Amino acid sequence: MNKVILTSLLVTFTAACGSGDKPVKTVSEWIDTPEGLSEHTKWCADSVERRLTPSCMNAVDAEAKIKMASMMENTMNTGTIPIK
């Protein structure tokens, strides 16, 4: 009985996390090739369900890391912290 429940939960979780036929880009892949990142994060923001997918979580994380790196670079070059 426990195996049936566990298997059902695993199948449900796997199906819910699937991204269809498109492979999920990792954070590193988004950072290395950020083309389309902004559009993807905007698309993710349109739906709570989308925000919880691995694809959207990775895109949001990559966008934050890219922005932080840019801020750090600006700080190193100017000696001030940009506030926007």
Protein backbone atom coordinates (compact mmCIF):
# COMPACT_ATOMS: atom_id res chain seq x y z
CA MET A 1 0.00 0.00 0.00
CA ASN A 2 2.77 2.46 0.92
CA LYS A 3 4.61 1.68 -2.31
CA VAL A 4 1.48 2.51 -4.32
CA ILE A 5 1.06 5.84 -2.56
CA LEU A 6 4.73 6.68 -2.90
CA THR A 7 4.73 5.78 -6.59
CA SER A 8 1.60 7.87 -7.18
CA LEU A 9 3.14 10.87 -5.45
CA LEU A 10 6.37 10.49 -7.39
CA VAL A 11 4.55 10.30 -10.73
CA THR A 12 2.41 13.32 -9.83
CA PHE A 13 5.42 15.35 -8.71
CA THR A 14 7.43 14.44 -11.80
CA ALA A 15 4.55 15.35 -14.10
CA ALA A 16 4.00 18.67 -12.32
CA CYS A 17 7.66 19.62 -12.62
CA GLY A 18 7.97 18.69 -16.25
CA SER A 19 8.51 21.50 -18.72
CA GLY A 20 6.87 19.84 -21.68
CA ASP A 21 9.12 19.10 -24.57
CA LYS A 22 11.57 21.93 -23.87
CA PRO A 23 14.62 21.11 -21.75
CA VAL A 24 15.08 23.14 -18.57
CA LYS A 25 17.99 25.57 -18.79
CA THR A 26 20.24 25.64 -15.76
CA VAL A 27 21.27 28.86 -14.01
CA SER A 28 24.72 28.53 -15.58
CA GLU A 29 23.24 28.11 -19.05
CA TRP A 30 21.12 31.24 -18.61
CA ILE A 31 24.18 33.18 -17.40
CA ASP A 32 26.33 31.94 -20.31
CA THR A 33 23.63 32.64 -22.91
CA PRO A 34 21.22 35.23 -21.50
CA GLU A 35 19.37 35.83 -24.78
CA GLY A 36 15.67 35.69 -23.98
CA LEU A 37 16.20 35.72 -20.22
CA SER A 38 14.30 38.95 -19.60
CA GLU A 39 11.34 37.81 -21.70
CA HIS A 40 11.32 34.44 -19.97
CA THR A 41 11.30 35.94 -16.47
CA LYS A 42 8.46 38.28 -17.49
CA TRP A 43 6.53 35.27 -18.81
CA CYS A 44 7.19 33.47 -15.52
CA ALA A 45 5.90 36.42 -13.50
CA ASP A 46 2.49 36.17 -15.20
CA SER A 47 1.53 33.01 -13.31
CA VAL A 48 2.11 31.60 -9.84
CA GLU A 49 2.25 28.09 -11.30
CA ARG A 50 4.96 29.16 -13.75
CA ARG A 51 7.04 30.78 -11.02
CA LEU A 52 7.32 27.44 -9.28
CA THR A 53 8.67 25.54 -12.29
CA PRO A 54 12.38 24.68 -12.41
CA SER A 55 12.71 26.66 -15.65
CA CYS A 56 11.39 29.86 -14.10
CA MET A 57 13.23 29.42 -10.82
CA ASN A 58 16.51 29.00 -12.71
CA ALA A 59 15.80 32.02 -14.92
CA VAL A 60 14.97 34.27 -11.96
CA ASP A 61 18.06 33.08 -10.09
CA ALA A 62 20.27 33.71 -13.13
CA GLU A 63 18.80 37.19 -13.64
CA ALA A 64 19.50 38.06 -10.01
CA LYS A 65 23.09 36.81 -10.26
CA ILE A 66 23.67 38.78 -13.47
CA LYS A 67 22.30 41.96 -11.85
CA MET A 68 24.43 41.42 -8.75
CA ALA A 69 27.56 40.90 -10.84
CA SER A 70 26.79 44.08 -12.75
CA MET A 71 26.31 46.02 -9.52
CA MET A 72 29.56 44.66 -8.13
CA GLU A 73 31.40 45.62 -11.32
CA ASN A 74 29.95 49.14 -11.19
CA THR A 75 30.94 49.44 -7.53
CA MET A 76 34.48 48.34 -8.29
CA ASN A 77 34.77 50.84 -11.16
CA THR A 78 33.18 53.84 -9.47
CA GLY A 79 33.60 53.20 -5.76
CA THR A 80 29.90 53.84 -5.18
CA ILE A 81 26.90 51.56 -4.90
CA PRO A 82 24.27 52.26 -7.59
CA ILE A 83 20.77 52.67 -6.17
CA LYS A 84 17.92 52.34 -8.63
